[in-house]
Amino acid sequence: MFKNTVTDLLEKALVERPDLFLIDFSIDSSNHIKVIIDGDNGVLVEDCMFISRAIEHNLDREEQDFSLEVMSAGATAPLVHNRQYKKNIKRTLEVRTPTDKIEGILTKATDDTITLEWKVREPKPVGKGKVTVKKEANIAYKDIVEAKVMIKF
């Protein structure tokens, strides 16, 4: 009953703010509510406060004891939602599939696939030395085991 109420409140808040989307949501046995969100334009503290208030202000602490934690996905968290790929176009990703591990720049994100581009040094077809070659891979979301944004300094 409590989980259903919280779920409904969370869904209503996300409908009100279509730029935000849910990454993870859980309620443990001690009624600790944990909500992880992301947004098409990132997540501000005010966004977390909005979701927190939408839940907390509609629950009665006299009826149910609970704790609430609302946070953003974080820079090092793996990408889990297709909308996260679209907002990270032009950033470097490390993508693991069942057969490969590719690090490249995300150039495109459609409803079904992503496109990564990267450069490698390969031997010249004729003669000695190496040449820089541009590679590209189209990867279906269903084939992605894990994808992370690589933070470069």
Protein backbone atom coordinates (compact mmCIF):
# COMPACT_ATOMS: atom_id res chain seq x y z
CA MET A 1 0.00 0.00 0.00
CA PHE A 2 2.74 2.47 1.01
CA LYS A 3 4.86 1.61 -2.06
CA ASN A 4 1.85 2.12 -4.36
CA THR A 5 1.16 5.54 -2.86
CA VAL A 6 4.79 6.63 -3.25
CA THR A 7 4.90 5.25 -6.81
CA ASP A 8 1.78 7.23 -7.74
CA LEU A 9 3.19 10.44 -6.24
CA LEU A 10 6.48 9.94 -8.09
CA GLU A 11 4.72 9.28 -11.41
CA LYS A 12 2.57 12.41 -11.00
CA ALA A 13 5.67 14.52 -10.30
CA LEU A 14 7.44 13.15 -13.40
CA VAL A 15 4.37 13.86 -15.56
CA GLU A 16 4.47 17.43 -14.28
CA ARG A 17 8.17 17.67 -15.22
CA PRO A 18 8.60 15.81 -18.54
CA ASP A 19 12.25 16.93 -18.78
CA LEU A 20 13.05 14.62 -15.84
CA PHE A 21 13.02 10.83 -15.96
CA LEU A 22 13.43 7.99 -13.51
CA ILE A 23 16.65 5.98 -13.35
CA ASP A 24 16.00 3.95 -10.19
CA PHE A 25 13.42 3.76 -7.43
CA SER A 26 13.31 1.55 -4.37
CA ILE A 27 11.75 1.28 -0.93
CA ASP A 28 13.44 -1.03 1.55
CA SER A 29 11.92 -2.85 4.53
CA SER A 30 12.55 0.13 6.85
CA ASN A 31 10.62 2.45 4.46
CA HIS A 32 13.74 4.18 3.17
CA ILE A 33 12.67 5.65 -0.18
CA LYS A 34 15.48 6.10 -2.70
CA VAL A 35 14.82 7.89 -5.99
CA ILE A 36 17.48 8.44 -8.66
CA ILE A 37 16.55 10.80 -11.49
CA ASP A 38 18.16 12.26 -14.58
CA GLY A 39 17.07 15.02 -16.92
CA ASP A 40 17.34 15.91 -20.57
CA ASN A 41 19.26 19.02 -19.49
CA GLY A 42 20.94 17.53 -16.44
CA VAL A 43 19.65 17.64 -12.86
CA LEU A 44 19.81 20.61 -10.54
CA VAL A 45 19.36 20.60 -6.77
CA GLU A 46 16.00 22.30 -7.38
CA ASP A 47 14.90 19.30 -9.50
CA CYS A 48 15.68 16.91 -6.64
CA MET A 49 13.84 19.22 -4.24
CA PHE A 50 10.80 19.26 -6.55
CA ILE A 51 10.60 15.44 -6.60
CA SER A 52 11.27 15.23 -2.87
CA ARG A 53 8.52 17.70 -2.02
CA ALA A 54 6.06 16.05 -4.41
CA ILE A 55 6.46 12.84 -2.42
CA GLU A 56 7.10 14.03 1.12
CA HIS A 57 4.40 16.73 1.28
CA ASN A 58 1.74 14.19 0.28
CA LEU A 59 2.59 11.55 2.89
CA ASP A 60 1.58 11.66 6.53
CA ARG A 61 4.43 10.92 8.94
CA GLU A 62 1.82 10.20 11.63
CA GLU A 63 0.60 7.23 9.56
CA GLN A 64 3.91 6.01 8.16
CA ASP A 65 7.50 6.49 9.32
CA PHE A 66 9.85 6.89 6.32
CA SER A 67 13.04 8.48 5.08
CA LEU A 68 13.45 9.92 1.61
CA GLU A 69 16.52 10.34 -0.57
CA VAL A 70 16.31 11.93 -4.04
CA MET A 71 19.48 12.26 -6.11
CA SER A 72 20.81 12.60 -9.63
CA ALA A 73 22.36 9.66 -11.46
CA GLY A 74 25.90 11.01 -11.07
CA ALA A 75 28.69 11.49 -13.57
CA THR A 76 30.22 8.02 -13.16
CA ALA A 77 27.00 6.00 -13.05
CA PRO A 78 26.36 3.68 -16.01
CA LEU A 79 23.81 4.85 -18.58
CA VAL A 80 20.58 2.87 -18.22
CA HIS A 81 17.94 4.90 -20.04
CA ASN A 82 17.87 5.65 -23.79
CA ARG A 83 17.29 9.35 -23.05
CA GLN A 84 20.67 9.46 -21.28
CA TYR A 85 22.43 8.61 -24.54
CA LYS A 86 20.74 11.46 -26.40
CA LYS A 87 21.90 14.01 -23.85
CA ASN A 88 25.48 12.71 -24.01
CA ILE A 89 26.02 13.10 -27.76
CA LYS A 90 29.57 14.40 -28.51
CA ARG A 91 30.92 12.90 -25.28
CA THR A 92 33.29 9.95 -24.98
CA LEU A 93 31.66 6.70 -23.89
CA GLU A 94 33.03 3.32 -22.94
CA VAL A 95 30.56 0.70 -24.13
CA ARG A 96 30.71 -2.99 -23.30
CA THR A 97 28.83 -5.50 -25.44
CA PRO A 98 28.89 -9.28 -24.98
CA THR A 99 31.84 -9.45 -27.40
CA ASP A 100 33.60 -6.05 -27.38
CA LYS A 101 34.65 -3.07 -25.31
CA ILE A 102 34.66 0.14 -27.34
CA GLU A 103 35.67 3.64 -26.32
CA GLY A 104 34.57 6.34 -28.72
CA ILE A 105 32.67 9.55 -29.21
CA LEU A 106 28.90 9.18 -29.23
CA THR A 107 27.82 10.78 -32.50
CA LYS A 108 24.21 9.62 -32.78
CA ALA A 109 21.50 8.12 -30.60
CA THR A 110 18.27 6.92 -32.21
CA ASP A 111 15.36 5.03 -30.68
CA ASP A 112 17.11 1.67 -31.29
CA THR A 113 20.86 2.24 -31.69
CA ILE A 114 23.83 4.43 -30.87
CA THR A 115 26.77 5.30 -33.11
CA LEU A 116 30.31 5.57 -31.75
CA GLU A 117 33.32 6.95 -33.64
CA TRP A 118 37.00 6.61 -32.72
CA LYS A 119 40.44 6.70 -34.34
CA VAL A 120 43.08 3.95 -34.35
CA ARG A 121 46.59 3.64 -35.73
CA GLU A 122 46.91 0.76 -38.19
CA PRO A 123 49.75 -0.45 -40.42
CA LYS A 124 49.78 1.10 -43.89
CA PRO A 125 48.35 -1.18 -46.58
CA VAL A 126 51.58 -0.72 -48.55
CA GLY A 127 54.98 0.12 -47.12
CA LYS A 128 56.20 0.75 -43.61
CA GLY A 129 54.61 2.91 -40.92
CA LYS A 130 51.14 3.47 -39.64
CA VAL A 131 48.16 5.52 -40.67
CA THR A 132 45.30 6.91 -38.54
CA VAL A 133 41.97 5.31 -39.47
CA LYS A 134 38.53 6.52 -38.39
CA LYS A 135 36.27 3.69 -37.17
CA GLU A 136 32.53 3.66 -36.54
CA ALA A 137 30.21 1.22 -34.79
CA ASN A 138 26.43 1.11 -34.64
CA ILE A 139 25.32 -0.67 -31.47
CA ALA A 140 21.77 -1.64 -30.58
CA TYR A 141 20.65 -0.76 -27.06
CA LYS A 142 19.74 -4.41 -26.49
CA ASP A 143 23.39 -5.38 -27.13
CA ILE A 144 24.82 -2.95 -24.56
CA VAL A 145 25.92 -4.67 -21.37
CA GLU A 146 27.22 -1.44 -19.81
CA ALA A 147 27.92 2.10 -21.00
CA LYS A 148 29.69 4.87 -19.07
CA VAL A 149 30.63 8.42 -19.88
CA MET A 150 34.41 8.79 -19.74
CA ILE A 151 35.35 11.95 -17.90
CA LYS A 152 38.43 13.56 -19.41
CA PHE A 153 40.53 16.23 -17.72
